[in-house]
Amino acid sequence: MEEYKIKYNEWLKDPIIDEESKKELLSIKENEEEIEDRFYKDLEFGTAGLRGIIGARN
């Protein structure tokens, strides 16, 4: 199984992830490209802080 799929499934099972985020993730369960786009790598942090869309993205 691809690493991004593993991360996606971990988010769905994680009790810390809120229900609204899980609903959003479930809404893309049939969209392989969207899942890969959201979970293919970790967000990078630098001295200026986080840059990226906040939400159900990894």
PDB file of N, CA and C in Angstrom:
ATOM      1  N   MET A   1       0.849  -1.176   0.000  1.00  0.00           N
ATOM      2  CA  MET A   1       0.000   0.000   0.000  1.00  0.00           C
ATOM      3  C   MET A   1       0.898   1.243   0.000  1.00  0.00           C
ATOM      4  N   GLU A   2       0.490   2.219  -0.765  1.00  0.00           N
ATOM      5  CA  GLU A   2       1.233   3.469  -0.855  1.00  0.00           C
ATOM      6  C   GLU A   2       1.238   4.181   0.499  1.00  0.00           C
ATOM      7  N   GLU A   3       2.331   4.878   0.793  1.00  0.00           N
ATOM      8  CA  GLU A   3       2.478   5.588   2.063  1.00  0.00           C
ATOM      9  C   GLU A   3       1.353   6.599   2.295  1.00  0.00           C
ATOM     10  N   TYR A   4       0.952   7.327   1.250  1.00  0.00           N
ATOM     11  CA  TYR A   4      -0.104   8.327   1.417  1.00  0.00           C
ATOM     12  C   TYR A   4      -1.435   7.687   1.801  1.00  0.00           C
ATOM     13  N   LYS A   5      -1.699   6.475   1.298  1.00  0.00           N
ATOM     14  CA  LYS A   5      -2.938   5.778   1.666  1.00  0.00           C
ATOM     15  C   LYS A   5      -2.911   5.363   3.139  1.00  0.00           C
ATOM     16  N   ILE A   6      -1.745   4.964   3.596  1.00  0.00           N
ATOM     17  CA  ILE A   6      -1.586   4.588   5.003  1.00  0.00           C
ATOM     18  C   ILE A   6      -1.859   5.799   5.892  1.00  0.00           C
ATOM     19  N   LYS A   7      -1.278   6.950   5.533  1.00  0.00           N
ATOM     20  CA  LYS A   7      -1.506   8.169   6.309  1.00  0.00           C
ATOM     21  C   LYS A   7      -2.983   8.561   6.291  1.00  0.00           C
ATOM     22  N   TYR A   8      -3.616   8.479   5.134  1.00  0.00           N
ATOM     23  CA  TYR A   8      -5.041   8.804   5.004  1.00  0.00           C
ATOM     24  C   TYR A   8      -5.869   7.943   5.964  1.00  0.00           C
ATOM     25  N   ASN A   9      -5.620   6.647   5.955  1.00  0.00           N
ATOM     26  CA  ASN A   9      -6.375   5.739   6.829  1.00  0.00           C
ATOM     27  C   ASN A   9      -6.076   5.981   8.302  1.00  0.00           C
ATOM     28  N   GLU A  10      -4.837   6.361   8.612  1.00  0.00           N
ATOM     29  CA  GLU A  10      -4.498   6.681   9.997  1.00  0.00           C
ATOM     30  C   GLU A  10      -5.298   7.892  10.478  1.00  0.00           C
ATOM     31  N   TRP A  11      -5.443   8.902   9.613  1.00  0.00           N
ATOM     32  CA  TRP A  11      -6.228  10.091   9.979  1.00  0.00           C
ATOM     33  C   TRP A  11      -7.681   9.700  10.225  1.00  0.00           C
ATOM     34  N   LEU A  12      -8.235   8.825   9.402  1.00  0.00           N
ATOM     35  CA  LEU A  12      -9.625   8.412   9.576  1.00  0.00           C
ATOM     36  C   LEU A  12      -9.857   7.681  10.896  1.00  0.00           C
ATOM     37  N   LYS A  13      -8.857   6.950  11.358  1.00  0.00           N
ATOM     38  CA  LYS A  13      -8.980   6.153  12.578  1.00  0.00           C
ATOM     39  C   LYS A  13      -8.555   6.908  13.838  1.00  0.00           C
ATOM     40  N   ASP A  14      -7.861   8.024  13.685  1.00  0.00           N
ATOM     41  CA  ASP A  14      -7.309   8.750  14.824  1.00  0.00           C
ATOM     42  C   ASP A  14      -8.416   9.423  15.639  1.00  0.00           C
ATOM     43  N   PRO A  15      -8.522   9.111  16.939  1.00  0.00           N
ATOM     44  CA  PRO A  15      -9.565   9.712  17.762  1.00  0.00           C
ATOM     45  C   PRO A  15      -9.371  11.218  17.999  1.00  0.00           C
ATOM     46  N   ILE A  16      -8.191  11.728  17.747  1.00  0.00           N
ATOM     47  CA  ILE A  16      -7.922  13.156  17.936  1.00  0.00           C
ATOM     48  C   ILE A  16      -8.499  13.996  16.796  1.00  0.00           C
ATOM     49  N   ILE A  17      -8.624  13.405  15.601  1.00  0.00           N
ATOM     50  CA  ILE A  17      -9.145  14.129  14.441  1.00  0.00           C
ATOM     51  C   ILE A  17     -10.645  14.345  14.638  1.00  0.00           C
ATOM     52  N   ASP A  18     -11.071  15.601  14.498  1.00  0.00           N
ATOM     53  CA  ASP A  18     -12.479  15.931  14.729  1.00  0.00           C
ATOM     54  C   ASP A  18     -13.381  15.338  13.639  1.00  0.00           C
ATOM     55  N   GLU A  19     -14.655  15.208  13.974  1.00  0.00           N
ATOM     56  CA  GLU A  19     -15.625  14.577  13.076  1.00  0.00           C
ATOM     57  C   GLU A  19     -15.805  15.354  11.768  1.00  0.00           C
ATOM     58  N   GLU A  20     -15.748  16.660  11.820  1.00  0.00           N
ATOM     59  CA  GLU A  20     -15.887  17.460  10.597  1.00  0.00           C
ATOM     60  C   GLU A  20     -14.756  17.158   9.612  1.00  0.00           C
ATOM     61  N   SER A  21     -13.545  17.048  10.130  1.00  0.00           N
ATOM     62  CA  SER A  21     -12.401  16.710   9.266  1.00  0.00           C
ATOM     63  C   SER A  21     -12.540  15.303   8.704  1.00  0.00           C
ATOM     64  N   LYS A  22     -13.013  14.374   9.531  1.00  0.00           N
ATOM     65  CA  LYS A  22     -13.209  13.002   9.058  1.00  0.00           C
ATOM     66  C   LYS A  22     -14.275  12.942   7.960  1.00  0.00           C
ATOM     67  N   LYS A  23     -15.343  13.744   8.112  1.00  0.00           N
ATOM     68  CA  LYS A  23     -16.369  13.792   7.066  1.00  0.00           C
ATOM     69  C   LYS A  23     -15.773  14.303   5.757  1.00  0.00           C
ATOM     70  N   GLU A  24     -14.920  15.327   5.861  1.00  0.00           N
ATOM     71  CA  GLU A  24     -14.262  15.851   4.666  1.00  0.00           C
ATOM     72  C   GLU A  24     -13.394  14.776   4.016  1.00  0.00           C
ATOM     73  N   LEU A  25     -12.644  14.054   4.830  1.00  0.00           N
ATOM     74  CA  LEU A  25     -11.792  12.992   4.295  1.00  0.00           C
ATOM     75  C   LEU A  25     -12.614  11.873   3.661  1.00  0.00           C
ATOM     76  N   LEU A  26     -13.724  11.529   4.282  1.00  0.00           N
ATOM     77  CA  LEU A  26     -14.592  10.494   3.707  1.00  0.00           C
ATOM     78  C   LEU A  26     -15.199  10.943   2.382  1.00  0.00           C
ATOM     79  N   SER A  27     -15.386  12.238   2.223  1.00  0.00           N
ATOM     80  CA  SER A  27     -15.964  12.747   0.978  1.00  0.00           C
ATOM     81  C   SER A  27     -15.017  12.579  -0.211  1.00  0.00           C
ATOM     82  N   ILE A  28     -13.739  12.328   0.045  1.00  0.00           N
ATOM     83  CA  ILE A  28     -12.773  12.136  -1.045  1.00  0.00           C
ATOM     84  C   ILE A  28     -12.307  10.683  -1.152  1.00  0.00           C
ATOM     85  N   LYS A  29     -12.961   9.765  -0.447  1.00  0.00           N
ATOM     86  CA  LYS A  29     -12.473   8.383  -0.389  1.00  0.00           C
ATOM     87  C   LYS A  29     -12.378   7.699  -1.754  1.00  0.00           C
ATOM     88  N   GLU A  30     -13.133   8.152  -2.732  1.00  0.00           N
ATOM     89  CA  GLU A  30     -13.084   7.573  -4.075  1.00  0.00           C
ATOM     90  C   GLU A  30     -12.187   8.376  -5.025  1.00  0.00           C
ATOM     91  N   ASN A  31     -11.569   9.431  -4.515  1.00  0.00           N
ATOM     92  CA  ASN A  31     -10.748  10.308  -5.347  1.00  0.00           C
ATOM     93  C   ASN A  31      -9.270  10.111  -5.008  1.00  0.00           C
ATOM     94  N   GLU A  32      -8.662   9.152  -5.676  1.00  0.00           N
ATOM     95  CA  GLU A  32      -7.275   8.769  -5.408  1.00  0.00           C
ATOM     96  C   GLU A  32      -6.310   9.948  -5.568  1.00  0.00           C
ATOM     97  N   GLU A  33      -6.523  10.767  -6.577  1.00  0.00           N
ATOM     98  CA  GLU A  33      -5.635  11.911  -6.811  1.00  0.00           C
ATOM     99  C   GLU A  33      -5.703  12.919  -5.666  1.00  0.00           C
ATOM    100  N   GLU A  34      -6.888  13.166  -5.157  1.00  0.00           N
ATOM    101  CA  GLU A  34      -7.054  14.121  -4.054  1.00  0.00           C
ATOM    102  C   GLU A  34      -6.415  13.586  -2.771  1.00  0.00           C
ATOM    103  N   ILE A  35      -6.590  12.304  -2.504  1.00  0.00           N
ATOM    104  CA  ILE A  35      -5.973  11.696  -1.326  1.00  0.00           C
ATOM    105  C   ILE A  35      -4.452  11.800  -1.432  1.00  0.00           C
ATOM    106  N   GLU A  36      -3.923  11.468  -2.581  1.00  0.00           N
ATOM    107  CA  GLU A  36      -2.477  11.551  -2.766  1.00  0.00           C
ATOM    108  C   GLU A  36      -1.991  12.991  -2.606  1.00  0.00           C
ATOM    109  N   ASP A  37      -2.721  13.950  -3.172  1.00  0.00           N
ATOM    110  CA  ASP A  37      -2.325  15.349  -3.072  1.00  0.00           C
ATOM    111  C   ASP A  37      -2.269  15.822  -1.624  1.00  0.00           C
ATOM    112  N   ARG A  38      -3.166  15.343  -0.796  1.00  0.00           N
ATOM    113  CA  ARG A  38      -3.219  15.784   0.597  1.00  0.00           C
ATOM    114  C   ARG A  38      -2.242  15.058   1.510  1.00  0.00           C
ATOM    115  N   PHE A  39      -1.836  13.843   1.146  1.00  0.00           N
ATOM    116  CA  PHE A  39      -1.061  13.014   2.076  1.00  0.00           C
ATOM    117  C   PHE A  39       0.278  12.513   1.535  1.00  0.00           C
ATOM    118  N   TYR A  40       0.740  13.014   0.388  1.00  0.00           N
ATOM    119  CA  TYR A  40       1.959  12.453  -0.185  1.00  0.00           C
ATOM    120  C   TYR A  40       3.235  12.897   0.523  1.00  0.00           C
ATOM    121  N   LYS A  41       3.166  13.990   1.307  1.00  0.00           N
ATOM    122  CA  LYS A  41       4.348  14.402   2.063  1.00  0.00           C
ATOM    123  C   LYS A  41       3.910  15.194   3.282  1.00  0.00           C
ATOM    124  N   ASP A  42       4.837  15.317   4.235  1.00  0.00           N
ATOM    125  CA  ASP A  42       4.583  16.115   5.425  1.00  0.00           C
ATOM    126  C   ASP A  42       4.796  17.581   5.096  1.00  0.00           C
ATOM    127  N   LEU A  43       4.046  18.445   5.767  1.00  0.00           N
ATOM    128  CA  LEU A  43       4.261  19.876   5.607  1.00  0.00           C
ATOM    129  C   LEU A  43       5.618  20.236   6.188  1.00  0.00           C
ATOM    130  N   GLU A  44       6.269  21.184   5.561  1.00  0.00           N
ATOM    131  CA  GLU A  44       7.581  21.609   6.032  1.00  0.00           C
ATOM    132  C   GLU A  44       7.454  22.876   6.861  1.00  0.00           C
ATOM    133  N   PHE A  45       8.242  22.939   7.915  1.00  0.00           N
ATOM    134  CA  PHE A  45       8.271  24.102   8.780  1.00  0.00           C
ATOM    135  C   PHE A  45       9.612  24.808   8.583  1.00  0.00           C
ATOM    136  N   GLY A  46       9.581  26.112   8.626  1.00  0.00           N
ATOM    137  CA  GLY A  46      10.801  26.898   8.519  1.00  0.00           C
ATOM    138  C   GLY A  46      10.791  27.977   9.576  1.00  0.00           C
ATOM    139  N   THR A  47      11.694  28.903   9.471  1.00  0.00           N
ATOM    140  CA  THR A  47      11.782  29.965  10.474  1.00  0.00           C
ATOM    141  C   THR A  47      10.595  30.915  10.408  1.00  0.00           C
ATOM    142  N   ALA A  48       9.870  30.934   9.283  1.00  0.00           N
ATOM    143  CA  ALA A  48       8.709  31.814   9.144  1.00  0.00           C
ATOM    144  C   ALA A  48       7.416  31.126   9.575  1.00  0.00           C
ATOM    145  N   GLY A  49       7.479  29.867   9.958  1.00  0.00           N
ATOM    146  CA  GLY A  49       6.286  29.153  10.407  1.00  0.00           C
ATOM    147  C   GLY A  49       5.694  28.272   9.332  1.00  0.00           C
ATOM    148  N   LEU A  50       4.464  27.883   9.551  1.00  0.00           N
ATOM    149  CA  LEU A  50       3.748  26.974   8.660  1.00  0.00           C
ATOM    150  C   LEU A  50       3.206  27.717   7.458  1.00  0.00           C
ATOM    151  N   ARG A  51       3.397  27.125   6.295  1.00  0.00           N
ATOM    152  CA  ARG A  51       2.821  27.682   5.072  1.00  0.00           C
ATOM    153  C   ARG A  51       2.065  26.580   4.373  1.00  0.00           C
ATOM    154  N   GLY A  52       0.800  26.755   4.225  1.00  0.00           N
ATOM    155  CA  GLY A  52      -0.030  25.753   3.557  1.00  0.00           C
ATOM    156  C   GLY A  52      -1.463  25.902   4.001  1.00  0.00           C
ATOM    157  N   ILE A  53      -2.325  25.176   3.368  1.00  0.00           N
ATOM    158  CA  ILE A  53      -3.743  25.206   3.694  1.00  0.00           C
ATOM    159  C   ILE A  53      -3.945  24.444   4.996  1.00  0.00           C
ATOM    160  N   ILE A  54      -4.683  25.037   5.902  1.00  0.00           N
ATOM    161  CA  ILE A  54      -4.985  24.378   7.167  1.00  0.00           C
ATOM    162  C   ILE A  54      -6.302  23.636   7.010  1.00  0.00           C
ATOM    163  N   GLY A  55      -6.333  22.433   7.516  1.00  0.00           N
ATOM    164  CA  GLY A  55      -7.528  21.607   7.426  1.00  0.00           C
ATOM    165  C   GLY A  55      -7.104  20.154   7.371  1.00  0.00           C
ATOM    166  N   ALA A  56      -7.843  19.358   6.708  1.00  0.00           N
ATOM    167  CA  ALA A  56      -7.564  17.922   6.633  1.00  0.00           C
ATOM    168  C   ALA A  56      -6.479  17.672   5.601  1.00  0.00           C
ATOM    169  N   ARG A  57      -5.369  18.243   5.830  1.00  0.00           N
ATOM    170  CA  ARG A  57      -4.206  18.047   4.972  1.00  0.00           C
ATOM    171  C   ARG A  57      -3.037  17.678   5.848  1.00  0.00           C
ATOM    172  N   ASN A  58      -2.178  16.863   5.349  1.00  0.00           N
ATOM    173  CA  ASN A  58      -1.026  16.414   6.104  1.00  0.00           C
ATOM    174  C   ASN A  58       0.225  17.103   5.639  1.00  0.00           C
TER     175      ASN A  58
END
